[in-house]
Amino acid sequence: MGHPASWAALLVLSAAWQLVLGGAAGGGRRSPHNIVLILTDDQDTEIGGMTPMKKTQVLIGQAGVSFPNAYGHPTAGGVQHVPLGWTYWNGLVGNSRYYNYTLSANGREEQHGQSYQDDYLTDLITNRSLEFLQKWSHPPFLMVLAPPAAHSPWTAAPGYATAYSTTKAPRNGSFNVHGKDKHWLVRQARTPMANTSIEFLDKAYRERWQTLLSVDDLVERVVGRLKALDLLASTYVFYTSDNGYHAGQFSLPIDKRQLYEFDIRVPLLVRGPGIKANQTRLEPILNIDLGPTFLDIAGLNVSQTAMDGQSFLPLLVTPVQPSAWRADFLVQYTGEGHLTADPACPALGPGVSQCFPDCVCEDAFNNTYACVRALHPHSLQYCEFADRQAFVELYNLTADPHQLHNVARSVDPTLLEALNQRLIKLQACEGPSCRA
């Protein structure tokens, strides 16, 4: 791209819920292809998070490629902050809300209330994206939409407030199972869970699905508008989320901060030029791969960037053998416990957070970990915690897909040493060395 005005974008980033229309600077050949990224918040794949997305599955997944091995992790600014290069920017001030919020509209404060027609955030994002597509007459463009669903407070649109009234969180796998051989934070969960915890998580599970129905409508309307404007054939449409979620797994009621598959796997569906329909690719894709992929679509030389991720455009449009792709990757998280004790749970002391319901804590200062997640030649996950114990967890996901058994103390020490060295290398890599 030659200059900022040559790209336009409508962007809503997770964590800040920023709605942006703008231009991105770049160099190299001009690309005739547009990009639409739809980025949800806290949408899992392991406990049914894609079940409500019937239209999305058809319009993106069945029309293109699905990546079941996609993994994810989030940034923000104040009301007056508008990142360079964007033509149009709207950003939510604070964390996710569906009503009664403030937007930064190109640096100007814009207040919203409690009217469904005017203020429901997912629909507002939908409507403004359609307006942008109708008005924008200079493709190629970048449009990124990140609605608040399925993040709390789980406020459904009126038409969906009674959907899934009998749905409960799935009771299989690690649901209501004590994590007896896991990090202390998981071991502190009460098993069996209190009835109040189960009622709470079932209600949250239903409400999450209800909020996602509006996102499914968003996908349908955006794809429909692209088709009506004769833009669909020249547009790559990506659908993904920032991280997964749990609802009762290892007796932890609800959250997203653990190292297990239910918290780190995310949906990833892509359709676009050159992508054959009804494909499934098993190569692991990371959220840090999105940026390089977009640059690749735009015609930039990704190998000359300092990004850690790599473009997966070749996987979308050409047959690439798995051996030519990464076999493992880094998963890491820094715990964010509180300096003071939770007033509702004073006996727990300081350093923990997210202790609800029933004083079961989901996070702590030393819930800080780094993992190697390997898919080839063996499906393994090796994790080290930054705590006084130097606690280690290791799972063979081929034999134990629900990660019920930590085998760190029973395997050959040479395997642990090899995985430790690989983890050190992944943590130290930077730019091109991460793509080697």
Foldseek 3Di string as FASTA:
>chain_A
DAALVLAWEFAQFAFWGKTFTFGDHDDFDFFQFAEEEEAEAAQFDPFCSCVLQPLCCVLFAQQFEWAQQEWFAGDDDDLQDDDPSHPWMWTWDGHADQAFTWINTNRDTDTGHDDLVPGRQLVVSLVVVLVCLVPDDRDDYYYYGYHHAPDPPLDARVVLPCPPVPDFTDCDQQFQPALCQDDVLLNPADHNADPVLRVVLRVSVSSRSRRCNSVSVSVVSNCVSCVVVVNQQRYKYKYKYRWHWDDRGNNDHIDQLADANRRTGMIITIHYHQGHGNHYDHAYHYPLQPVQQVVVSRRHDQLPDFGLHHHPVCVRHHDDDNVLADFKAKDWDAFDWAQADDPVCNVVGGFFDPLDDPGSTDTGRFSTKMWIQGVPPFGKIWMFTPDPVSDIFMDRCVVRVSSSDGCPPPDDVVVVVVRVVVRVQNVPDIGPSSRD
